Amino acid sequence: MRQATISRKTAETEIELAIDLDGTGRSDISTGIGFLDHMLTLLARHSLIDLAVKATGDTHVDFHHTTEDVGIALGQAVAKALGDKRGITRYADVHLPMDETLTRVAVDISGRPFLVFRTEFSAPKIGEFDTELVREWFQGFAINAGLTLHVETLYGLNNHHIAESCFKGLARALRLAVAIDARMADHVPSTKGTLSV
């Protein structure tokens, strides 16, 4: 069973998170940040990863710590659930359209964490959510999941659509990359024989 739970507590946030990589896209999300809840809900739905998140944080300061720490915890959970990564497809990419916006996401479950994030926003906020926190979430997630992750918005106008296309693009790429390749089910997809750092 490719499942994992993470409990993370700091002076700034407290997070309980559970995932099932072989789920149906069910979600139960409560972070205290409406926009982040929306992004995580659609991430679960389009990746078919079951996701439960309960987070509390110092949102009276701003949304930075909670957003970043949820990304970190989800990355840790994905890495834990993947185990030795035996049988996974490993690579995936997708072009995700969201109305006038098009975002390209490519992922390598490599064990070598790296983020390339080429997405720009024309406003500092989407509602109450700071647009710069989109990158912070992706950074925390990619580094802790051990992914090489490239996110690039090719064009777009609406900031909500731009952010949503990034999360949906990640969801669809993850769905493909974590899938078991029947022809490689007993092997780690690397000539090194390992995908651990």
N, C-alpha and C. Protein backbone atom coordinates (compact mmCIF):
# COMPACT_ATOMS: atom_id res chain seq x y z
N MET A 1 0.85 -1.19 0.00
CA MET A 1 0.00 0.00 0.00
C MET A 1 0.89 1.25 0.00
N ARG A 2 0.71 2.09 -1.00
CA ARG A 2 1.56 3.28 -1.12
C ARG A 2 0.86 4.44 -0.41
N GLN A 3 0.93 4.38 0.91
CA GLN A 3 0.30 5.36 1.76
C GLN A 3 1.32 5.94 2.72
N ALA A 4 1.02 7.14 3.23
CA ALA A 4 1.91 7.75 4.21
C ALA A 4 1.15 8.76 5.04
N THR A 5 1.59 8.94 6.27
CA THR A 5 1.10 10.01 7.12
C THR A 5 2.29 10.80 7.63
N ILE A 6 2.07 12.08 7.77
CA ILE A 6 3.11 12.99 8.27
C ILE A 6 2.50 13.86 9.36
N SER A 7 3.20 13.97 10.46
CA SER A 7 2.86 14.93 11.51
C SER A 7 4.02 15.90 11.62
N ARG A 8 3.72 17.17 11.48
CA ARG A 8 4.77 18.18 11.51
C ARG A 8 4.33 19.30 12.44
N LYS A 9 5.16 19.60 13.44
CA LYS A 9 4.83 20.66 14.38
C LYS A 9 6.04 21.55 14.58
N THR A 10 5.84 22.83 14.37
CA THR A 10 6.88 23.83 14.63
C THR A 10 6.26 24.94 15.48
N ALA A 11 7.05 25.94 15.80
CA ALA A 11 6.52 27.09 16.53
C ALA A 11 5.54 27.90 15.69
N GLU A 12 5.53 27.64 14.37
CA GLU A 12 4.69 28.43 13.47
C GLU A 12 3.48 27.68 12.93
N THR A 13 3.59 26.36 12.79
CA THR A 13 2.51 25.58 12.21
C THR A 13 2.40 24.20 12.86
N GLU A 14 1.21 23.62 12.72
CA GLU A 14 0.99 22.23 13.13
C GLU A 14 0.18 21.56 12.03
N ILE A 15 0.71 20.46 11.49
CA ILE A 15 0.12 19.84 10.32
C ILE A 15 -0.01 18.34 10.53
N GLU A 16 -1.20 17.81 10.19
CA GLU A 16 -1.44 16.37 10.10
C GLU A 16 -1.85 16.10 8.66
N LEU A 17 -1.15 15.20 7.99
CA LEU A 17 -1.37 14.97 6.57
C LEU A 17 -1.30 13.49 6.26
N ALA A 18 -2.21 13.01 5.41
CA ALA A 18 -2.20 11.61 4.99
C ALA A 18 -2.49 11.53 3.50
N ILE A 19 -1.79 10.61 2.82
CA ILE A 19 -2.01 10.41 1.40
C ILE A 19 -2.10 8.93 1.06
N ASP A 20 -2.76 8.66 -0.05
CA ASP A 20 -2.78 7.33 -0.67
C ASP A 20 -2.55 7.55 -2.15
N LEU A 21 -1.37 7.14 -2.63
CA LEU A 21 -1.03 7.37 -4.04
C LEU A 21 -1.93 6.60 -4.99
N ASP A 22 -2.56 5.55 -4.50
CA ASP A 22 -3.41 4.72 -5.35
C ASP A 22 -4.89 4.93 -5.02
N GLY A 23 -5.24 6.17 -4.76
CA GLY A 23 -6.59 6.50 -4.37
C GLY A 23 -7.48 6.83 -5.54
N THR A 24 -8.51 7.61 -5.25
CA THR A 24 -9.49 8.01 -6.26
C THR A 24 -9.63 9.53 -6.37
N GLY A 25 -8.77 10.25 -5.65
CA GLY A 25 -8.84 11.71 -5.70
C GLY A 25 -9.68 12.33 -4.60
N ARG A 26 -10.00 11.54 -3.58
CA ARG A 26 -10.77 12.09 -2.45
C ARG A 26 -9.91 13.07 -1.66
N SER A 27 -10.56 14.06 -1.07
CA SER A 27 -9.80 15.03 -0.28
C SER A 27 -10.61 15.52 0.91
N ASP A 28 -9.89 15.84 1.97
CA ASP A 28 -10.45 16.47 3.16
C ASP A 28 -9.40 17.48 3.61
N ILE A 29 -9.59 18.72 3.22
CA ILE A 29 -8.54 19.74 3.36
C ILE A 29 -9.02 20.87 4.26
N SER A 30 -8.21 21.22 5.24
CA SER A 30 -8.49 22.36 6.10
C SER A 30 -7.17 22.99 6.53
N THR A 31 -6.80 24.09 5.88
CA THR A 31 -5.54 24.77 6.23
C THR A 31 -5.76 26.14 6.85
N GLY A 32 -7.01 26.60 6.84
CA GLY A 32 -7.27 27.97 7.28
C GLY A 32 -7.03 29.00 6.21
N ILE A 33 -6.64 28.54 5.01
CA ILE A 33 -6.38 29.43 3.87
C ILE A 33 -7.25 28.94 2.71
N GLY A 34 -8.30 29.66 2.42
CA GLY A 34 -9.28 29.20 1.44
C GLY A 34 -8.68 28.89 0.07
N PHE A 35 -7.82 29.75 -0.43
CA PHE A 35 -7.25 29.53 -1.75
C PHE A 35 -6.36 28.29 -1.77
N LEU A 36 -5.58 28.08 -0.72
CA LEU A 36 -4.73 26.90 -0.64
C LEU A 36 -5.58 25.63 -0.56
N ASP A 37 -6.67 25.68 0.21
CA ASP A 37 -7.59 24.54 0.27
C ASP A 37 -8.10 24.19 -1.12
N HIS A 38 -8.45 25.21 -1.89
CA HIS A 38 -8.95 25.01 -3.25
C HIS A 38 -7.88 24.35 -4.13
N MET A 39 -6.65 24.83 -4.06
CA MET A 39 -5.57 24.27 -4.87
C MET A 39 -5.27 22.82 -4.48
N LEU A 40 -5.28 22.51 -3.19
CA LEU A 40 -4.99 21.15 -2.75
C LEU A 40 -6.13 20.19 -3.09
N THR A 41 -7.35 20.69 -3.05
CA THR A 41 -8.50 19.87 -3.42
C THR A 41 -8.42 19.46 -4.88
N LEU A 42 -8.10 20.42 -5.75
CA LEU A 42 -8.00 20.06 -7.17
C LEU A 42 -6.74 19.26 -7.47
N LEU A 43 -5.68 19.45 -6.68
CA LEU A 43 -4.49 18.61 -6.83
C LEU A 43 -4.84 17.15 -6.56
N ALA A 44 -5.57 16.90 -5.48
CA ALA A 44 -5.99 15.54 -5.17
C ALA A 44 -6.88 14.98 -6.27
N ARG A 45 -7.87 15.75 -6.65
CA ARG A 45 -8.85 15.27 -7.64
C ARG A 45 -8.20 14.86 -8.96
N HIS A 46 -7.30 15.69 -9.46
CA HIS A 46 -6.73 15.44 -10.78
C HIS A 46 -5.52 14.51 -10.77
N SER A 47 -4.94 14.28 -9.59
CA SER A 47 -3.85 13.30 -9.49
C SER A 47 -4.35 11.91 -9.12
N LEU A 48 -5.59 11.84 -8.65
CA LEU A 48 -6.17 10.61 -8.10
C LEU A 48 -5.44 10.16 -6.84
N ILE A 49 -4.78 11.09 -6.18
CA ILE A 49 -4.15 10.83 -4.89
C ILE A 49 -5.12 11.26 -3.80
N ASP A 50 -5.50 10.32 -2.92
CA ASP A 50 -6.33 10.70 -1.77
C ASP A 50 -5.48 11.54 -0.83
N LEU A 51 -6.07 12.64 -0.36
CA LEU A 51 -5.30 13.59 0.44
C LEU A 51 -6.15 14.14 1.58
N ALA A 52 -5.62 14.03 2.79
CA ALA A 52 -6.24 14.64 3.96
C ALA A 52 -5.21 15.56 4.60
N VAL A 53 -5.60 16.80 4.82
CA VAL A 53 -4.70 17.78 5.43
C VAL A 53 -5.46 18.57 6.48
N LYS A 54 -4.91 18.60 7.68
CA LYS A 54 -5.41 19.51 8.71
C LYS A 54 -4.22 20.33 9.17
N ALA A 55 -4.29 21.63 8.94
CA ALA A 55 -3.16 22.51 9.29
C ALA A 55 -3.67 23.72 10.04
N THR A 56 -2.94 24.10 11.06
CA THR A 56 -3.15 25.37 11.73
C THR A 56 -1.82 26.09 11.77
N GLY A 57 -1.88 27.40 11.66
CA GLY A 57 -0.63 28.15 11.63
C GLY A 57 -0.84 29.60 12.00
N ASP A 58 0.25 30.33 11.94
CA ASP A 58 0.24 31.75 12.34
C ASP A 58 -0.30 32.63 11.20
N THR A 59 -1.51 32.33 10.77
CA THR A 59 -2.10 33.09 9.66
C THR A 59 -2.45 34.52 10.07
N HIS A 60 -2.40 34.82 11.37
CA HIS A 60 -2.58 36.21 11.80
C HIS A 60 -1.36 37.05 11.40
N VAL A 61 -0.23 36.38 11.16
CA VAL A 61 0.96 37.08 10.65
C VAL A 61 0.82 37.23 9.14
N ASP A 62 0.80 36.10 8.45
CA ASP A 62 0.48 36.04 7.01
C ASP A 62 0.33 34.56 6.67
N PHE A 63 0.20 34.24 5.39
CA PHE A 63 -0.05 32.86 4.98
C PHE A 63 1.23 32.11 4.61
N HIS A 64 2.38 32.76 4.76
CA HIS A 64 3.63 32.19 4.27
C HIS A 64 3.97 30.86 4.93
N HIS A 65 4.04 30.85 6.25
CA HIS A 65 4.51 29.66 6.95
C HIS A 65 3.60 28.46 6.72
N THR A 66 2.29 28.69 6.79
CA THR A 66 1.35 27.58 6.60
C THR A 66 1.45 27.03 5.18
N THR A 67 1.48 27.92 4.19
CA THR A 67 1.57 27.48 2.79
C THR A 67 2.84 26.68 2.55
N GLU A 68 3.97 27.22 2.97
CA GLU A 68 5.25 26.54 2.75
C GLU A 68 5.30 25.20 3.49
N ASP A 69 4.84 25.18 4.73
CA ASP A 69 4.95 23.96 5.53
C ASP A 69 4.02 22.87 5.03
N VAL A 70 2.86 23.24 4.49
CA VAL A 70 1.99 22.23 3.88
C VAL A 70 2.68 21.63 2.65
N GLY A 71 3.36 22.45 1.86
CA GLY A 71 4.13 21.94 0.73
C GLY A 71 5.21 20.98 1.19
N ILE A 72 5.92 21.35 2.26
CA ILE A 72 6.97 20.49 2.81
C ILE A 72 6.39 19.15 3.26
N ALA A 73 5.30 19.20 4.03
CA ALA A 73 4.70 17.98 4.57
C ALA A 73 4.17 17.08 3.46
N LEU A 74 3.56 17.67 2.43
CA LEU A 74 3.06 16.85 1.33
C LEU A 74 4.22 16.22 0.56
N GLY A 75 5.29 16.97 0.37
CA GLY A 75 6.47 16.40 -0.27
C GLY A 75 7.03 15.24 0.52
N GLN A 76 7.12 15.38 1.83
CA GLN A 76 7.62 14.30 2.68
C GLN A 76 6.72 13.06 2.58
N ALA A 77 5.42 13.30 2.53
CA ALA A 77 4.47 12.18 2.44
C ALA A 77 4.60 11.45 1.11
N VAL A 78 4.75 12.18 0.02
CA VAL A 78 4.93 11.55 -1.29
C VAL A 78 6.20 10.70 -1.30
N ALA A 79 7.30 11.26 -0.80
CA ALA A 79 8.56 10.51 -0.75
C ALA A 79 8.42 9.24 0.07
N LYS A 80 7.75 9.35 1.21
CA LYS A 80 7.57 8.19 2.09
C LYS A 80 6.69 7.14 1.43
N ALA A 81 5.61 7.57 0.78
CA ALA A 81 4.68 6.63 0.15
C ALA A 81 5.32 5.92 -1.04
N LEU A 82 6.24 6.59 -1.74
CA LEU A 82 6.90 5.98 -2.89
C LEU A 82 7.92 4.92 -2.50
N GLY A 83 8.41 4.96 -1.28
CA GLY A 83 9.38 3.97 -0.82
C GLY A 83 10.62 3.95 -1.70
N ASP A 84 11.00 2.77 -2.20
CA ASP A 84 12.19 2.68 -3.05
C ASP A 84 11.89 2.99 -4.51
N LYS A 85 10.64 3.36 -4.80
CA LYS A 85 10.19 3.80 -6.14
C LYS A 85 10.18 2.67 -7.15
N ARG A 86 10.19 1.45 -6.67
CA ARG A 86 10.18 0.28 -7.56
C ARG A 86 8.91 0.29 -8.42
N GLY A 87 9.10 0.16 -9.73
CA GLY A 87 7.99 0.01 -10.65
C GLY A 87 7.34 1.28 -11.15
N ILE A 88 7.75 2.43 -10.62
CA ILE A 88 7.07 3.66 -11.04
C ILE A 88 7.46 4.05 -12.47
N THR A 89 6.60 4.83 -13.09
CA THR A 89 6.88 5.33 -14.43
C THR A 89 8.02 6.35 -14.40
N ARG A 90 8.10 7.12 -13.35
CA ARG A 90 9.16 8.07 -13.04
C ARG A 90 9.03 9.41 -13.75
N TYR A 91 9.02 9.44 -15.07
CA TYR A 91 8.96 10.70 -15.82
C TYR A 91 7.54 10.97 -16.30
N ALA A 92 7.18 12.25 -16.34
CA ALA A 92 5.90 12.63 -16.95
C ALA A 92 5.92 14.12 -17.23
N ASP A 93 5.16 14.50 -18.24
CA ASP A 93 4.99 15.93 -18.52
C ASP A 93 3.59 16.14 -19.07
N VAL A 94 3.11 17.35 -18.91
CA VAL A 94 1.77 17.69 -19.36
C VAL A 94 1.71 19.17 -19.72
N HIS A 95 0.91 19.49 -20.72
CA HIS A 95 0.52 20.87 -21.00
C HIS A 95 -0.91 21.02 -20.49
N LEU A 96 -1.11 21.93 -19.55
CA LEU A 96 -2.41 22.05 -18.91
C LEU A 96 -3.07 23.38 -19.30
N PRO A 97 -4.15 23.34 -20.09
CA PRO A 97 -4.87 24.56 -20.42
C PRO A 97 -5.88 24.90 -19.34
N MET A 98 -6.00 26.17 -19.04
CA MET A 98 -7.01 26.68 -18.12
C MET A 98 -7.55 27.96 -18.73
N ASP A 99 -8.58 27.82 -19.55
CA ASP A 99 -9.12 28.95 -20.31
C ASP A 99 -8.01 29.60 -21.14
N GLU A 100 -7.66 30.86 -20.85
CA GLU A 100 -6.68 31.56 -21.68
C GLU A 100 -5.23 31.24 -21.30
N THR A 101 -5.05 30.43 -20.28
CA THR A 101 -3.73 30.12 -19.73
C THR A 101 -3.27 28.73 -20.16
N LEU A 102 -1.96 28.61 -20.42
CA LEU A 102 -1.37 27.31 -20.72
C LEU A 102 -0.08 27.16 -19.92
N THR A 103 -0.01 26.10 -19.13
CA THR A 103 1.16 25.83 -18.30
C THR A 103 1.71 24.45 -18.61
N ARG A 104 3.02 24.38 -18.70
CA ARG A 104 3.72 23.12 -18.93
C ARG A 104 4.37 22.67 -17.61
N VAL A 105 4.14 21.42 -17.25
CA VAL A 105 4.75 20.85 -16.04
C VAL A 105 5.44 19.54 -16.42
N ALA A 106 6.69 19.41 -16.02
CA ALA A 106 7.44 18.17 -16.24
C ALA A 106 8.05 17.73 -14.92
N VAL A 107 7.99 16.42 -14.67
CA VAL A 107 8.47 15.89 -13.40
C VAL A 107 9.34 14.66 -13.64
N ASP A 108 10.39 14.56 -12.83
CA ASP A 108 11.23 13.37 -12.77
C ASP A 108 11.34 12.99 -11.29
N ILE A 109 10.80 11.84 -10.94
CA ILE A 109 10.92 11.37 -9.56
C ILE A 109 12.31 10.76 -9.42
N SER A 110 13.26 11.64 -9.27
CA SER A 110 14.67 11.32 -9.46
C SER A 110 15.44 11.09 -8.17
N GLY A 111 14.91 11.57 -7.06
CA GLY A 111 15.71 11.60 -5.83
C GLY A 111 16.67 12.78 -5.80
N ARG A 112 16.67 13.57 -6.87
CA ARG A 112 17.51 14.76 -6.94
C ARG A 112 16.60 15.99 -6.99
N PRO A 113 16.33 16.58 -5.83
CA PRO A 113 15.35 17.67 -5.79
C PRO A 113 15.84 18.93 -6.47
N PHE A 114 14.97 19.45 -7.34
CA PHE A 114 15.28 20.70 -8.03
C PHE A 114 13.99 21.29 -8.56
N LEU A 115 13.85 22.59 -8.46
CA LEU A 115 12.66 23.27 -8.99
C LEU A 115 13.07 24.35 -9.96
N VAL A 116 12.48 24.31 -11.15
CA VAL A 116 12.52 25.43 -12.09
C VAL A 116 11.09 25.95 -12.16
N PHE A 117 10.88 27.19 -11.80
CA PHE A 117 9.53 27.77 -11.74
C PHE A 117 9.52 29.05 -12.55
N ARG A 118 8.98 28.96 -13.75
CA ARG A 118 8.93 30.11 -14.65
C ARG A 118 7.48 30.52 -14.85
N THR A 119 6.93 31.10 -13.83
CA THR A 119 5.54 31.56 -13.84
C THR A 119 5.51 32.93 -13.19
N GLU A 120 4.85 33.85 -13.84
CA GLU A 120 4.76 35.21 -13.32
C GLU A 120 3.30 35.60 -13.13
N PHE A 121 3.07 36.43 -12.13
CA PHE A 121 1.74 36.93 -11.83
C PHE A 121 1.72 38.44 -12.01
N SER A 122 0.60 38.96 -12.45
CA SER A 122 0.49 40.39 -12.73
C SER A 122 -0.01 41.18 -11.52
N ALA A 123 -0.38 40.48 -10.46
CA ALA A 123 -0.87 41.14 -9.25
C ALA A 123 -0.27 40.45 -8.03
N PRO A 124 -0.12 41.18 -6.94
CA PRO A 124 0.50 40.58 -5.75
C PRO A 124 -0.40 39.62 -5.00
N LYS A 125 -1.71 39.66 -5.26
CA LYS A 125 -2.62 38.81 -4.50
C LYS A 125 -3.71 38.22 -5.39
N ILE A 126 -4.16 37.04 -5.00
CA ILE A 126 -5.39 36.45 -5.52
C ILE A 126 -6.32 36.40 -4.31
N GLY A 127 -7.29 37.30 -4.26
CA GLY A 127 -8.06 37.46 -3.03
C GLY A 127 -7.13 37.91 -1.93
N GLU A 128 -7.04 37.11 -0.85
CA GLU A 128 -6.14 37.43 0.26
C GLU A 128 -4.82 36.68 0.17
N PHE A 129 -4.67 35.85 -0.85
CA PHE A 129 -3.51 34.98 -0.97
C PHE A 129 -2.41 35.66 -1.77
N ASP A 130 -1.18 35.71 -1.21
CA ASP A 130 -0.05 36.30 -1.91
C ASP A 130 0.40 35.40 -3.05
N THR A 131 0.44 35.95 -4.26
CA THR A 131 0.80 35.13 -5.42
C THR A 131 2.22 34.58 -5.32
N GLU A 132 3.12 35.27 -4.63
CA GLU A 132 4.49 34.77 -4.50
C GLU A 132 4.53 33.46 -3.71
N LEU A 133 3.48 33.15 -2.97
CA LEU A 133 3.46 31.92 -2.19
C LEU A 133 3.22 30.68 -3.04
N VAL A 134 2.76 30.86 -4.28
CA VAL A 134 2.62 29.71 -5.17
C VAL A 134 3.97 29.06 -5.36
N ARG A 135 4.97 29.87 -5.68
CA ARG A 135 6.32 29.32 -5.85
C ARG A 135 6.84 28.72 -4.55
N GLU A 136 6.58 29.36 -3.43
CA GLU A 136 7.05 28.84 -2.14
C GLU A 136 6.48 27.45 -1.87
N TRP A 137 5.20 27.24 -2.21
CA TRP A 137 4.60 25.93 -2.02
C TRP A 137 5.29 24.89 -2.92
N PHE A 138 5.48 25.22 -4.18
CA PHE A 138 6.13 24.29 -5.11
C PHE A 138 7.55 23.99 -4.69
N GLN A 139 8.27 24.97 -4.17
CA GLN A 139 9.64 24.76 -3.70
C GLN A 139 9.66 23.77 -2.55
N GLY A 140 8.82 24.01 -1.55
CA GLY A 140 8.77 23.11 -0.40
C GLY A 140 8.38 21.70 -0.80
N PHE A 141 7.43 21.60 -1.72
CA PHE A 141 6.98 20.29 -2.17
C PHE A 141 8.07 19.55 -2.94
N ALA A 142 8.65 20.18 -3.95
CA ALA A 142 9.63 19.52 -4.81
C ALA A 142 10.85 19.06 -4.03
N ILE A 143 11.37 19.91 -3.17
CA ILE A 143 12.59 19.58 -2.44
C ILE A 143 12.34 18.40 -1.51
N ASN A 144 11.21 18.39 -0.83
CA ASN A 144 10.94 17.33 0.15
C ASN A 144 10.42 16.05 -0.47
N ALA A 145 9.84 16.13 -1.66
CA ALA A 145 9.43 14.92 -2.37
C ALA A 145 10.60 14.28 -3.11
N GLY A 146 11.69 15.02 -3.28
CA GLY A 146 12.83 14.51 -4.03
C GLY A 146 12.58 14.49 -5.53
N LEU A 147 11.89 15.50 -6.01
CA LEU A 147 11.54 15.59 -7.43
C LEU A 147 12.38 16.63 -8.15
N THR A 148 12.67 16.35 -9.40
CA THR A 148 13.06 17.42 -10.31
C THR A 148 11.76 17.88 -10.96
N LEU A 149 11.44 19.15 -10.78
CA LEU A 149 10.13 19.66 -11.19
C LEU A 149 10.30 20.95 -11.96
N HIS A 150 9.75 20.97 -13.17
CA HIS A 150 9.77 22.17 -14.00
C HIS A 150 8.33 22.63 -14.21
N VAL A 151 8.09 23.90 -13.90
CA VAL A 151 6.76 24.50 -14.08
C VAL A 151 6.95 25.79 -14.86
N GLU A 152 6.29 25.89 -15.99
CA GLU A 152 6.43 27.09 -16.82
C GLU A 152 5.08 27.46 -17.41
N THR A 153 4.62 28.65 -17.08
CA THR A 153 3.40 29.14 -17.70
C THR A 153 3.77 29.81 -19.01
N LEU A 154 3.29 29.24 -20.10
CA LEU A 154 3.65 29.73 -21.43
C LEU A 154 2.94 31.04 -21.75
N TYR A 155 1.70 31.15 -21.31
CA TYR A 155 0.96 32.40 -21.43
C TYR A 155 -0.27 32.32 -20.55
N GLY A 156 -0.80 33.50 -20.21
CA GLY A 156 -1.99 33.58 -19.38
C GLY A 156 -2.22 34.99 -18.90
N LEU A 157 -3.45 35.30 -18.55
CA LEU A 157 -3.81 36.64 -18.11
C LEU A 157 -4.38 36.65 -16.69
N ASN A 158 -5.29 35.74 -16.42
CA ASN A 158 -5.98 35.71 -15.14
C ASN A 158 -5.11 35.01 -14.10
N ASN A 159 -4.81 35.69 -13.00
CA ASN A 159 -3.89 35.13 -12.00
C ASN A 159 -4.42 33.87 -11.33
N HIS A 160 -5.71 33.80 -11.11
CA HIS A 160 -6.30 32.59 -10.55
C HIS A 160 -6.10 31.42 -11.51
N HIS A 161 -6.34 31.66 -12.79
CA HIS A 161 -6.15 30.61 -13.79
C HIS A 161 -4.68 30.18 -13.87
N ILE A 162 -3.77 31.13 -13.76
CA ILE A 162 -2.35 30.80 -13.82
C ILE A 162 -1.96 29.88 -12.66
N ALA A 163 -2.35 30.25 -11.44
CA ALA A 163 -2.04 29.42 -10.28
C ALA A 163 -2.70 28.05 -10.41
N GLU A 164 -3.95 28.04 -10.80
CA GLU A 164 -4.69 26.78 -10.89
C GLU A 164 -4.08 25.86 -11.95
N SER A 165 -3.62 26.43 -13.04
CA SER A 165 -3.01 25.61 -14.08
C SER A 165 -1.72 24.97 -13.59
N CYS A 166 -0.99 25.66 -12.72
CA CYS A 166 0.23 25.08 -12.15
C CYS A 166 -0.08 23.87 -11.28
N PHE A 167 -1.07 24.01 -10.40
CA PHE A 167 -1.43 22.91 -9.51
C PHE A 167 -2.07 21.76 -10.28
N LYS A 168 -2.94 22.06 -11.23
CA LYS A 168 -3.55 20.99 -12.02
C LYS A 168 -2.51 20.30 -12.90
N GLY A 169 -1.58 21.07 -13.44
CA GLY A 169 -0.51 20.49 -14.24
C GLY A 169 0.34 19.55 -13.41
N LEU A 170 0.67 19.96 -12.18
CA LEU A 170 1.41 19.08 -11.29
C LEU A 170 0.61 17.82 -11.00
N ALA A 171 -0.68 17.98 -10.76
CA ALA A 171 -1.53 16.84 -10.46
C ALA A 171 -1.49 15.82 -11.58
N ARG A 172 -1.69 16.27 -12.80
CA ARG A 172 -1.73 15.34 -13.94
C ARG A 172 -0.36 14.70 -14.20
N ALA A 173 0.71 15.47 -14.00
CA ALA A 173 2.05 14.90 -14.18
C ALA A 173 2.36 13.87 -13.10
N LEU A 174 2.00 14.18 -11.85
CA LEU A 174 2.22 13.23 -10.76
C LEU A 174 1.44 11.95 -10.99
N ARG A 175 0.19 12.10 -11.43
CA ARG A 175 -0.66 10.93 -11.70
C ARG A 175 0.05 9.95 -12.63
N LEU A 176 0.69 10.48 -13.66
CA LEU A 176 1.40 9.63 -14.62
C LEU A 176 2.72 9.12 -14.04
N ALA A 177 3.46 9.98 -13.37
CA ALA A 177 4.81 9.61 -12.91
C ALA A 177 4.81 8.58 -11.80
N VAL A 178 3.82 8.62 -10.90
CA VAL A 178 3.79 7.66 -9.79
C VAL A 178 3.12 6.35 -10.19
N ALA A 179 2.49 6.32 -11.38
CA ALA A 179 1.81 5.10 -11.82
C ALA A 179 2.80 3.96 -11.98
N ILE A 180 2.35 2.76 -11.70
CA ILE A 180 3.18 1.58 -11.87
C ILE A 180 3.23 1.20 -13.34
N ASP A 181 4.43 1.05 -13.86
CA ASP A 181 4.67 0.58 -15.22
C ASP A 181 4.73 -0.95 -15.18
N ALA A 182 3.73 -1.59 -15.77
CA ALA A 182 3.62 -3.05 -15.68
C ALA A 182 4.87 -3.77 -16.17
N ARG A 183 5.57 -3.18 -17.13
CA ARG A 183 6.76 -3.83 -17.68
C ARG A 183 7.98 -3.66 -16.78
N MET A 184 7.87 -2.74 -15.79
CA MET A 184 9.00 -2.47 -14.89
C MET A 184 8.62 -2.68 -13.43
N ALA A 185 7.56 -3.43 -13.18
CA ALA A 185 6.99 -3.52 -11.84
C ALA A 185 7.97 -3.99 -10.78
N ASP A 186 8.95 -4.79 -11.16
CA ASP A 186 9.91 -5.32 -10.19
C ASP A 186 11.25 -4.59 -10.19
N HIS A 187 11.31 -3.47 -10.90
CA HIS A 187 12.59 -2.77 -11.06
C HIS A 187 12.47 -1.30 -10.68
N VAL A 188 13.57 -0.76 -10.18
CA VAL A 188 13.68 0.69 -9.98
C VAL A 188 14.09 1.29 -11.30
N PRO A 189 13.35 2.29 -11.79
CA PRO A 189 13.63 2.81 -13.13
C PRO A 189 14.86 3.72 -13.19
N SER A 190 16.01 3.12 -12.98
CA SER A 190 17.28 3.84 -13.04
C SER A 190 18.39 2.86 -13.36
N THR A 191 19.34 3.27 -14.21
CA THR A 191 20.48 2.39 -14.50
C THR A 191 21.38 2.24 -13.28
N LYS A 192 21.25 3.16 -12.31
CA LYS A 192 22.02 3.06 -11.07
C LYS A 192 21.44 2.00 -10.14
N GLY A 193 20.17 1.65 -10.37
CA GLY A 193 19.52 0.70 -9.49
C GLY A 193 18.90 1.31 -8.26
N THR A 194 18.99 2.63 -8.14
CA THR A 194 18.40 3.33 -7.00
C THR A 194 17.97 4.72 -7.42
N LEU A 195 16.92 5.22 -6.78
CA LEU A 195 16.49 6.61 -6.97
C LEU A 195 16.50 7.35 -5.63
N SER A 196 17.37 6.89 -4.75
CA SER A 196 17.55 7.56 -3.46
C SER A 196 18.71 8.52 -3.58
N VAL A 197 18.65 9.56 -2.79
CA VAL A 197 19.72 10.56 -2.81
C VAL A 197 20.98 9.96 -2.21
